[in-house]
Amino acid sequence: MNTKDLPYIDKRNFDSRSRYDSSNAYHIEEMFRSHRSLFQLAHEELISDKRYLFTHAGLQKGWYDNNKKIIGELTVENLNKLLDVPYGIRSLCEASWLRGGTDQYGSIVWNDLRDMHSRVNQDIPWDYQIFGHTMLDDEHPLITKQFACIDCQKAIIINDDGGFVEC
């Protein structure tokens, strides 16, 4: 689930910066309503004894700390439940100035890669994060010790030992 999808779930909290298609909105909204269980904000995989978190834009501990009362314990299940309540959806609208917002931290759909670089993201229950949202100038994913930004216009496979292979 990404920033382009959320206005069709709750358009009161999102503006046109997300490329809202008003001419097809009814059909898109109906598709999301009918197939809600297929759309997730977060996913977890265990690869080589490491817990990997997959989100659209990456998770910052500061955003979680600011929304802890809404999210509860930091789990994939609780992150996905944010779509089910208006105040959860509102928390997903949070964006830092790097994305044109006014919030201190961006959410898991509005976070910016530059925020992931500039802030230490420790004390979360996952060993590694994988996300996109910030298109890279290079044609290769950005792989660090804490995260991988894979928005490089190529398919990326994670092999059984946690390594990345470009397709």
N, C-alpha and C. Protein backbone atom coordinates (compact mmCIF):
# COMPACT_ATOMS: atom_id res chain seq x y z
N MET A 1 0.84 -1.16 0.00
CA MET A 1 0.00 0.00 0.00
C MET A 1 0.89 1.23 0.00
N ASN A 2 0.56 2.22 -0.84
CA ASN A 2 1.43 3.39 -0.92
C ASN A 2 0.64 4.68 -0.89
N THR A 3 1.33 5.80 -1.07
CA THR A 3 0.72 7.12 -0.97
C THR A 3 -0.33 7.35 -2.05
N LYS A 4 -0.25 6.67 -3.16
CA LYS A 4 -1.24 6.83 -4.22
C LYS A 4 -2.52 6.07 -3.92
N ASP A 5 -2.45 5.04 -3.08
CA ASP A 5 -3.61 4.23 -2.74
C ASP A 5 -4.48 4.84 -1.65
N LEU A 6 -3.87 5.46 -0.66
CA LEU A 6 -4.59 5.89 0.54
C LEU A 6 -5.74 6.85 0.30
N PRO A 7 -5.69 7.78 -0.66
CA PRO A 7 -6.84 8.67 -0.86
C PRO A 7 -8.13 7.91 -1.23
N TYR A 8 -8.01 6.75 -1.79
CA TYR A 8 -9.20 5.98 -2.16
C TYR A 8 -9.80 5.26 -0.96
N ILE A 9 -9.03 5.16 0.12
CA ILE A 9 -9.53 4.56 1.35
C ILE A 9 -10.15 5.63 2.24
N ASP A 10 -9.54 6.82 2.28
CA ASP A 10 -10.04 7.91 3.10
C ASP A 10 -9.60 9.23 2.48
N LYS A 11 -10.39 9.77 1.57
CA LYS A 11 -9.98 10.99 0.86
C LYS A 11 -10.06 12.24 1.72
N ARG A 12 -10.69 12.18 2.89
CA ARG A 12 -10.76 13.35 3.77
C ARG A 12 -9.38 13.75 4.28
N ASN A 13 -8.49 12.79 4.44
CA ASN A 13 -7.19 13.05 5.03
C ASN A 13 -6.07 13.22 4.01
N PHE A 14 -6.37 13.08 2.74
CA PHE A 14 -5.32 13.15 1.72
C PHE A 14 -5.69 14.17 0.68
N ASP A 15 -4.70 14.85 0.15
CA ASP A 15 -4.96 15.85 -0.87
C ASP A 15 -4.49 15.37 -2.25
N SER A 16 -4.55 16.24 -3.22
CA SER A 16 -4.28 15.87 -4.60
C SER A 16 -2.81 15.57 -4.90
N ARG A 17 -1.91 15.79 -3.93
CA ARG A 17 -0.51 15.51 -4.21
C ARG A 17 -0.27 14.02 -4.45
N SER A 18 -1.27 13.21 -4.17
CA SER A 18 -1.14 11.77 -4.34
C SER A 18 -1.68 11.28 -5.68
N ARG A 19 -1.90 12.17 -6.61
CA ARG A 19 -2.39 11.83 -7.95
C ARG A 19 -3.74 11.12 -7.93
N TYR A 20 -4.68 11.67 -7.19
CA TYR A 20 -6.04 11.13 -7.08
C TYR A 20 -6.73 11.20 -8.44
N ASP A 21 -7.31 10.10 -8.88
CA ASP A 21 -7.99 10.01 -10.18
C ASP A 21 -9.50 10.13 -9.95
N SER A 22 -10.00 11.34 -9.98
CA SER A 22 -11.42 11.56 -9.66
C SER A 22 -12.35 10.91 -10.68
N SER A 23 -11.92 10.79 -11.92
CA SER A 23 -12.80 10.19 -12.93
C SER A 23 -12.99 8.68 -12.72
N ASN A 24 -12.06 8.03 -12.08
CA ASN A 24 -12.17 6.59 -11.81
C ASN A 24 -12.27 6.27 -10.32
N ALA A 25 -12.41 7.29 -9.51
CA ALA A 25 -12.35 7.12 -8.05
C ALA A 25 -13.38 6.12 -7.54
N TYR A 26 -14.61 6.19 -8.02
CA TYR A 26 -15.64 5.29 -7.50
C TYR A 26 -15.23 3.82 -7.68
N HIS A 27 -14.75 3.47 -8.86
CA HIS A 27 -14.35 2.09 -9.15
C HIS A 27 -13.13 1.67 -8.33
N ILE A 28 -12.19 2.57 -8.18
CA ILE A 28 -10.98 2.25 -7.40
C ILE A 28 -11.35 2.09 -5.92
N GLU A 29 -12.19 3.00 -5.40
CA GLU A 29 -12.63 2.90 -4.01
C GLU A 29 -13.37 1.59 -3.76
N GLU A 30 -14.21 1.20 -4.70
CA GLU A 30 -14.95 -0.06 -4.57
C GLU A 30 -14.00 -1.26 -4.57
N MET A 31 -12.98 -1.20 -5.41
CA MET A 31 -11.99 -2.28 -5.44
C MET A 31 -11.29 -2.42 -4.09
N PHE A 32 -10.91 -1.28 -3.49
CA PHE A 32 -10.27 -1.33 -2.18
C PHE A 32 -11.23 -1.85 -1.11
N ARG A 33 -12.49 -1.41 -1.15
CA ARG A 33 -13.48 -1.89 -0.17
C ARG A 33 -13.71 -3.39 -0.31
N SER A 34 -13.84 -3.85 -1.53
CA SER A 34 -14.14 -5.27 -1.78
C SER A 34 -12.98 -6.20 -1.47
N HIS A 35 -11.77 -5.70 -1.55
CA HIS A 35 -10.58 -6.54 -1.40
C HIS A 35 -9.64 -6.02 -0.32
N ARG A 36 -10.19 -5.41 0.71
CA ARG A 36 -9.40 -4.78 1.76
C ARG A 36 -8.33 -5.70 2.34
N SER A 37 -8.65 -6.97 2.50
CA SER A 37 -7.70 -7.90 3.14
C SER A 37 -6.43 -8.11 2.31
N LEU A 38 -6.46 -7.76 1.05
CA LEU A 38 -5.28 -7.94 0.19
C LEU A 38 -4.26 -6.81 0.33
N PHE A 39 -4.66 -5.70 0.94
CA PHE A 39 -3.79 -4.53 0.99
C PHE A 39 -3.20 -4.37 2.39
N GLN A 40 -1.88 -4.29 2.43
CA GLN A 40 -1.17 -4.19 3.70
C GLN A 40 -0.22 -3.00 3.67
N LEU A 41 -0.01 -2.45 4.84
CA LEU A 41 0.98 -1.39 5.01
C LEU A 41 2.36 -1.95 5.31
N ALA A 42 2.38 -3.11 5.97
CA ALA A 42 3.64 -3.69 6.42
C ALA A 42 3.59 -5.20 6.27
N HIS A 43 4.77 -5.77 6.07
CA HIS A 43 4.91 -7.22 5.94
C HIS A 43 6.23 -7.62 6.58
N GLU A 44 6.25 -8.80 7.18
CA GLU A 44 7.47 -9.29 7.82
C GLU A 44 7.83 -10.66 7.24
N GLU A 45 9.13 -10.86 7.06
CA GLU A 45 9.66 -12.16 6.63
C GLU A 45 10.87 -12.50 7.49
N LEU A 46 11.04 -13.77 7.76
CA LEU A 46 12.23 -14.27 8.44
C LEU A 46 13.14 -14.86 7.37
N ILE A 47 14.31 -14.27 7.22
CA ILE A 47 15.28 -14.71 6.21
C ILE A 47 16.61 -14.90 6.91
N SER A 48 17.15 -16.10 6.87
CA SER A 48 18.44 -16.41 7.52
C SER A 48 18.45 -15.94 8.98
N ASP A 49 17.41 -16.27 9.69
CA ASP A 49 17.29 -15.93 11.12
C ASP A 49 17.25 -14.43 11.40
N LYS A 50 16.97 -13.61 10.41
CA LYS A 50 16.81 -12.17 10.60
C LYS A 50 15.38 -11.78 10.25
N ARG A 51 14.84 -10.87 11.04
CA ARG A 51 13.49 -10.36 10.79
C ARG A 51 13.56 -9.15 9.86
N TYR A 52 12.91 -9.26 8.71
CA TYR A 52 12.87 -8.20 7.71
C TYR A 52 11.50 -7.53 7.73
N LEU A 53 11.50 -6.20 7.76
CA LEU A 53 10.28 -5.42 7.69
C LEU A 53 10.18 -4.78 6.31
N PHE A 54 9.06 -5.01 5.65
CA PHE A 54 8.79 -4.41 4.34
C PHE A 54 7.68 -3.37 4.51
N THR A 55 7.94 -2.13 4.12
CA THR A 55 6.93 -1.08 4.08
C THR A 55 7.14 -0.28 2.81
N HIS A 56 6.23 0.64 2.55
CA HIS A 56 6.37 1.47 1.36
C HIS A 56 7.53 2.46 1.50
N ALA A 57 7.65 3.10 2.67
CA ALA A 57 8.62 4.19 2.81
C ALA A 57 9.58 4.04 3.98
N GLY A 58 9.53 2.96 4.72
CA GLY A 58 10.43 2.77 5.84
C GLY A 58 9.84 3.27 7.15
N LEU A 59 10.25 2.68 8.23
CA LEU A 59 9.75 3.01 9.56
C LEU A 59 10.82 3.73 10.35
N GLN A 60 10.46 4.89 10.88
CA GLN A 60 11.33 5.62 11.79
C GLN A 60 10.80 5.46 13.20
N LYS A 61 11.68 5.19 14.12
CA LYS A 61 11.28 5.00 15.53
C LYS A 61 10.59 6.24 16.06
N GLY A 62 11.02 7.42 15.66
CA GLY A 62 10.39 8.66 16.12
C GLY A 62 8.93 8.75 15.73
N TRP A 63 8.60 8.34 14.50
CA TRP A 63 7.19 8.35 14.07
C TRP A 63 6.39 7.38 14.93
N TYR A 64 6.95 6.19 15.16
CA TYR A 64 6.25 5.23 16.02
C TYR A 64 6.07 5.81 17.43
N ASP A 65 7.11 6.38 18.01
CA ASP A 65 7.01 6.94 19.36
C ASP A 65 5.91 8.00 19.43
N ASN A 66 5.81 8.84 18.40
CA ASN A 66 4.77 9.88 18.37
C ASN A 66 3.37 9.30 18.21
N ASN A 67 3.25 8.09 17.70
CA ASN A 67 1.94 7.47 17.45
C ASN A 67 1.72 6.19 18.24
N LYS A 68 2.51 6.00 19.27
CA LYS A 68 2.46 4.76 20.06
C LYS A 68 1.08 4.50 20.65
N LYS A 69 0.37 5.54 21.06
CA LYS A 69 -0.96 5.37 21.63
C LYS A 69 -1.95 4.83 20.60
N ILE A 70 -1.74 5.18 19.36
CA ILE A 70 -2.61 4.71 18.28
C ILE A 70 -2.22 3.30 17.84
N ILE A 71 -0.92 3.07 17.71
CA ILE A 71 -0.42 1.80 17.17
C ILE A 71 -0.42 0.69 18.22
N GLY A 72 -0.05 1.01 19.44
CA GLY A 72 0.13 -0.01 20.45
C GLY A 72 1.52 -0.63 20.29
N GLU A 73 1.64 -1.90 20.63
CA GLU A 73 2.91 -2.59 20.47
C GLU A 73 3.33 -2.54 19.00
N LEU A 74 4.61 -2.37 18.75
CA LEU A 74 5.12 -2.24 17.38
C LEU A 74 5.20 -3.61 16.72
N THR A 75 4.11 -3.96 16.01
CA THR A 75 4.03 -5.22 15.27
C THR A 75 3.50 -4.93 13.88
N VAL A 76 3.74 -5.84 12.97
CA VAL A 76 3.19 -5.72 11.61
C VAL A 76 1.66 -5.69 11.66
N GLU A 77 1.09 -6.51 12.50
CA GLU A 77 -0.37 -6.56 12.60
C GLU A 77 -0.93 -5.20 13.03
N ASN A 78 -0.30 -4.58 14.02
CA ASN A 78 -0.78 -3.27 14.49
C ASN A 78 -0.55 -2.17 13.46
N LEU A 79 0.54 -2.23 12.72
CA LEU A 79 0.75 -1.26 11.64
C LEU A 79 -0.33 -1.40 10.58
N ASN A 80 -0.67 -2.63 10.23
CA ASN A 80 -1.71 -2.84 9.21
C ASN A 80 -3.09 -2.41 9.69
N LYS A 81 -3.34 -2.44 10.98
CA LYS A 81 -4.64 -2.01 11.53
C LYS A 81 -4.84 -0.51 11.44
N LEU A 82 -3.78 0.25 11.16
CA LEU A 82 -3.94 1.70 11.03
C LEU A 82 -4.93 2.06 9.92
N LEU A 83 -5.09 1.20 8.95
CA LEU A 83 -6.03 1.47 7.86
C LEU A 83 -7.49 1.35 8.29
N ASP A 84 -7.73 0.77 9.45
CA ASP A 84 -9.09 0.47 9.87
C ASP A 84 -9.74 1.56 10.71
N VAL A 85 -8.98 2.56 11.11
CA VAL A 85 -9.53 3.60 11.99
C VAL A 85 -9.11 4.98 11.50
N PRO A 86 -10.00 5.97 11.59
CA PRO A 86 -9.67 7.31 11.08
C PRO A 86 -8.40 7.91 11.69
N TYR A 87 -8.20 7.76 13.00
CA TYR A 87 -7.00 8.34 13.60
C TYR A 87 -5.74 7.57 13.17
N GLY A 88 -5.88 6.31 12.81
CA GLY A 88 -4.76 5.56 12.25
C GLY A 88 -4.40 6.07 10.87
N ILE A 89 -5.42 6.31 10.07
CA ILE A 89 -5.18 6.85 8.73
C ILE A 89 -4.56 8.24 8.84
N ARG A 90 -5.02 9.03 9.80
CA ARG A 90 -4.44 10.37 9.99
C ARG A 90 -2.95 10.28 10.30
N SER A 91 -2.56 9.27 11.10
CA SER A 91 -1.13 9.12 11.42
C SER A 91 -0.31 8.78 10.18
N LEU A 92 -0.95 8.11 9.22
CA LEU A 92 -0.26 7.75 7.98
C LEU A 92 -0.02 8.97 7.09
N CYS A 93 -0.76 10.06 7.34
CA CYS A 93 -0.60 11.29 6.55
C CYS A 93 0.63 12.08 6.96
N GLU A 94 1.26 11.73 8.05
CA GLU A 94 2.37 12.53 8.56
C GLU A 94 3.57 12.47 7.61
N ALA A 95 4.08 13.66 7.28
CA ALA A 95 5.22 13.80 6.38
C ALA A 95 6.13 14.90 6.89
N SER A 96 7.43 14.67 6.80
CA SER A 96 8.40 15.69 7.22
C SER A 96 8.51 16.76 6.13
N TRP A 97 9.26 17.79 6.42
CA TRP A 97 9.44 18.87 5.45
C TRP A 97 10.10 18.36 4.17
N LEU A 98 10.83 17.26 4.25
CA LEU A 98 11.48 16.70 3.06
C LEU A 98 10.46 16.21 2.04
N ARG A 99 9.24 15.95 2.48
CA ARG A 99 8.16 15.51 1.60
C ARG A 99 7.04 16.54 1.52
N GLY A 100 7.34 17.76 1.90
CA GLY A 100 6.35 18.83 1.82
C GLY A 100 5.41 18.90 3.01
N GLY A 101 5.71 18.18 4.07
CA GLY A 101 4.86 18.19 5.25
C GLY A 101 5.41 19.09 6.34
N THR A 102 4.74 19.04 7.48
CA THR A 102 5.14 19.87 8.61
C THR A 102 5.44 19.02 9.85
N ASP A 103 5.40 17.71 9.70
CA ASP A 103 5.61 16.83 10.85
C ASP A 103 7.10 16.57 11.07
N GLN A 104 7.43 16.19 12.28
CA GLN A 104 8.82 15.89 12.62
C GLN A 104 9.31 14.65 11.89
N TYR A 105 8.42 13.66 11.74
CA TYR A 105 8.77 12.39 11.09
C TYR A 105 7.72 12.04 10.05
N GLY A 106 8.16 11.34 9.02
CA GLY A 106 7.22 10.82 8.04
C GLY A 106 6.74 9.43 8.44
N SER A 107 5.53 9.10 8.01
CA SER A 107 4.95 7.79 8.32
C SER A 107 5.54 6.71 7.43
N ILE A 108 5.06 5.51 7.59
CA ILE A 108 5.55 4.39 6.79
C ILE A 108 5.12 4.48 5.33
N VAL A 109 4.27 5.45 4.99
CA VAL A 109 3.96 5.69 3.58
C VAL A 109 4.50 7.03 3.07
N TRP A 110 4.94 7.94 3.97
CA TRP A 110 5.44 9.24 3.55
C TRP A 110 6.89 9.51 3.95
N ASN A 111 7.54 8.58 4.59
CA ASN A 111 8.92 8.77 5.02
C ASN A 111 9.82 9.05 3.81
N ASP A 112 10.90 9.72 4.05
CA ASP A 112 11.86 10.04 2.99
C ASP A 112 13.19 9.36 3.28
N LEU A 113 13.83 8.87 2.25
CA LEU A 113 15.12 8.20 2.39
C LEU A 113 16.13 9.06 3.14
N ARG A 114 16.11 10.37 2.90
CA ARG A 114 17.06 11.25 3.58
C ARG A 114 16.84 11.24 5.10
N ASP A 115 15.60 11.03 5.52
CA ASP A 115 15.34 10.90 6.96
C ASP A 115 15.91 9.60 7.49
N MET A 116 15.87 8.55 6.71
CA MET A 116 16.42 7.27 7.16
C MET A 116 17.93 7.37 7.32
N HIS A 117 18.57 8.13 6.46
CA HIS A 117 20.02 8.33 6.55
C HIS A 117 20.39 9.19 7.75
N SER A 118 19.59 10.20 8.02
CA SER A 118 19.99 11.19 9.01
C SER A 118 19.59 10.84 10.43
N ARG A 119 18.75 9.85 10.62
CA ARG A 119 18.31 9.52 11.97
C ARG A 119 18.62 8.06 12.26
N VAL A 120 19.12 7.79 13.44
CA VAL A 120 19.42 6.42 13.84
C VAL A 120 18.10 5.70 14.06
N ASN A 121 17.94 4.54 13.47
CA ASN A 121 16.69 3.79 13.56
C ASN A 121 16.91 2.51 14.35
N GLN A 122 17.27 2.68 15.59
CA GLN A 122 17.47 1.54 16.45
C GLN A 122 16.23 1.32 17.30
N ASP A 123 16.25 0.27 18.08
CA ASP A 123 15.17 -0.03 19.02
C ASP A 123 13.84 -0.31 18.33
N ILE A 124 13.90 -0.97 17.20
CA ILE A 124 12.68 -1.51 16.59
C ILE A 124 12.85 -3.02 16.54
N PRO A 125 11.76 -3.76 16.50
CA PRO A 125 11.88 -5.23 16.61
C PRO A 125 12.33 -5.96 15.35
N TRP A 126 12.76 -5.25 14.32
CA TRP A 126 13.22 -5.90 13.11
C TRP A 126 14.71 -5.68 12.93
N ASP A 127 15.35 -6.65 12.31
CA ASP A 127 16.79 -6.55 12.06
C ASP A 127 17.11 -5.71 10.83
N TYR A 128 16.16 -5.65 9.89
CA TYR A 128 16.45 -5.01 8.61
C TYR A 128 15.15 -4.50 8.00
N GLN A 129 15.23 -3.36 7.31
CA GLN A 129 14.05 -2.80 6.64
C GLN A 129 14.27 -2.74 5.14
N ILE A 130 13.20 -2.99 4.40
CA ILE A 130 13.22 -2.87 2.94
C ILE A 130 12.03 -2.01 2.54
N PHE A 131 12.31 -1.00 1.73
CA PHE A 131 11.26 -0.06 1.32
C PHE A 131 11.64 0.59 0.00
N GLY A 132 10.76 1.41 -0.51
CA GLY A 132 10.99 2.17 -1.73
C GLY A 132 10.68 3.64 -1.48
N HIS A 133 9.69 4.17 -2.18
CA HIS A 133 9.12 5.51 -2.04
C HIS A 133 10.04 6.63 -2.49
N THR A 134 11.33 6.51 -2.36
CA THR A 134 12.26 7.55 -2.80
C THR A 134 13.01 7.02 -4.01
N MET A 135 12.59 7.47 -5.21
CA MET A 135 13.24 6.97 -6.41
C MET A 135 14.71 7.36 -6.42
N LEU A 136 15.54 6.37 -6.66
CA LEU A 136 16.98 6.57 -6.65
C LEU A 136 17.45 7.05 -8.01
N ASP A 137 18.45 7.92 -8.00
CA ASP A 137 19.04 8.40 -9.26
C ASP A 137 19.83 7.29 -9.93
N ASP A 138 20.44 6.46 -9.12
CA ASP A 138 21.22 5.34 -9.63
C ASP A 138 20.25 4.24 -10.07
N GLU A 139 20.70 3.34 -10.88
CA GLU A 139 19.86 2.23 -11.33
C GLU A 139 20.00 1.01 -10.44
N HIS A 140 20.56 1.19 -9.26
CA HIS A 140 20.78 0.08 -8.34
C HIS A 140 20.16 0.41 -6.99
N PRO A 141 19.75 -0.60 -6.25
CA PRO A 141 19.20 -0.33 -4.91
C PRO A 141 20.28 0.24 -3.99
N LEU A 142 19.85 0.98 -2.99
CA LEU A 142 20.75 1.49 -1.97
C LEU A 142 20.69 0.52 -0.81
N ILE A 143 21.80 -0.15 -0.55
CA ILE A 143 21.84 -1.18 0.48
C ILE A 143 22.80 -0.74 1.59
N THR A 144 22.27 -0.63 2.81
CA THR A 144 23.08 -0.26 3.97
C THR A 144 23.00 -1.40 4.99
N LYS A 145 23.62 -1.21 6.14
CA LYS A 145 23.57 -2.24 7.19
C LYS A 145 22.23 -2.29 7.89
N GLN A 146 21.43 -1.21 7.81
CA GLN A 146 20.14 -1.15 8.49
C GLN A 146 18.95 -1.30 7.56
N PHE A 147 19.12 -0.92 6.28
CA PHE A 147 17.97 -0.92 5.37
C PHE A 147 18.42 -1.01 3.92
N ALA A 148 17.43 -1.30 3.06
CA ALA A 148 17.64 -1.25 1.62
C ALA A 148 16.49 -0.45 1.01
N CYS A 149 16.84 0.56 0.24
CA CYS A 149 15.85 1.30 -0.55
C CYS A 149 15.94 0.71 -1.96
N ILE A 150 14.87 0.11 -2.40
CA ILE A 150 14.91 -0.63 -3.67
C ILE A 150 14.13 0.06 -4.79
N ASP A 151 13.85 1.35 -4.66
CA ASP A 151 13.11 2.08 -5.68
C ASP A 151 14.08 2.51 -6.79
N CYS A 152 14.49 1.53 -7.61
CA CYS A 152 15.50 1.79 -8.64
C CYS A 152 15.03 1.36 -10.03
N GLN A 153 13.72 1.16 -10.19
CA GLN A 153 13.11 0.80 -11.46
C GLN A 153 13.58 -0.55 -11.99
N LYS A 154 13.94 -1.43 -11.07
CA LYS A 154 14.31 -2.80 -11.41
C LYS A 154 13.68 -3.74 -10.40
N ALA A 155 13.47 -4.97 -10.81
CA ALA A 155 13.00 -5.99 -9.88
C ALA A 155 14.18 -6.46 -9.04
N ILE A 156 13.94 -6.64 -7.76
CA ILE A 156 14.98 -7.07 -6.83
C ILE A 156 14.51 -8.35 -6.15
N ILE A 157 15.37 -9.32 -6.07
CA ILE A 157 15.07 -10.58 -5.37
C ILE A 157 15.97 -10.65 -4.13
N ILE A 158 15.38 -11.07 -3.04
CA ILE A 158 16.17 -11.33 -1.83
C ILE A 158 16.38 -12.83 -1.77
N ASN A 159 17.62 -13.25 -1.79
CA ASN A 159 17.88 -14.69 -1.78
C ASN A 159 17.83 -15.25 -0.36
N ASP A 160 18.00 -16.53 -0.23
CA ASP A 160 17.84 -17.22 1.05
C ASP A 160 18.80 -16.77 2.14
N ASP A 161 19.92 -16.17 1.78
CA ASP A 161 20.85 -15.70 2.80
C ASP A 161 20.73 -14.21 3.06
N GLY A 162 19.68 -13.56 2.49
CA GLY A 162 19.45 -12.15 2.73
C GLY A 162 20.18 -11.23 1.77
N GLY A 163 20.83 -11.77 0.75
CA GLY A 163 21.50 -10.96 -0.27
C GLY A 163 20.51 -10.50 -1.32
N PHE A 164 20.87 -9.48 -2.05
CA PHE A 164 20.00 -8.88 -3.06
C PHE A 164 20.52 -9.21 -4.45
N VAL A 165 19.60 -9.54 -5.35
CA VAL A 165 19.94 -9.83 -6.73
C VAL A 165 19.04 -8.96 -7.61
N GLU A 166 19.65 -8.19 -8.51
CA GLU A 166 18.89 -7.38 -9.45
C GLU A 166 18.47 -8.23 -10.64
N CYS A 167 17.25 -8.01 -11.09
CA CYS A 167 16.75 -8.77 -12.24
C CYS A 167 16.59 -7.86 -13.44
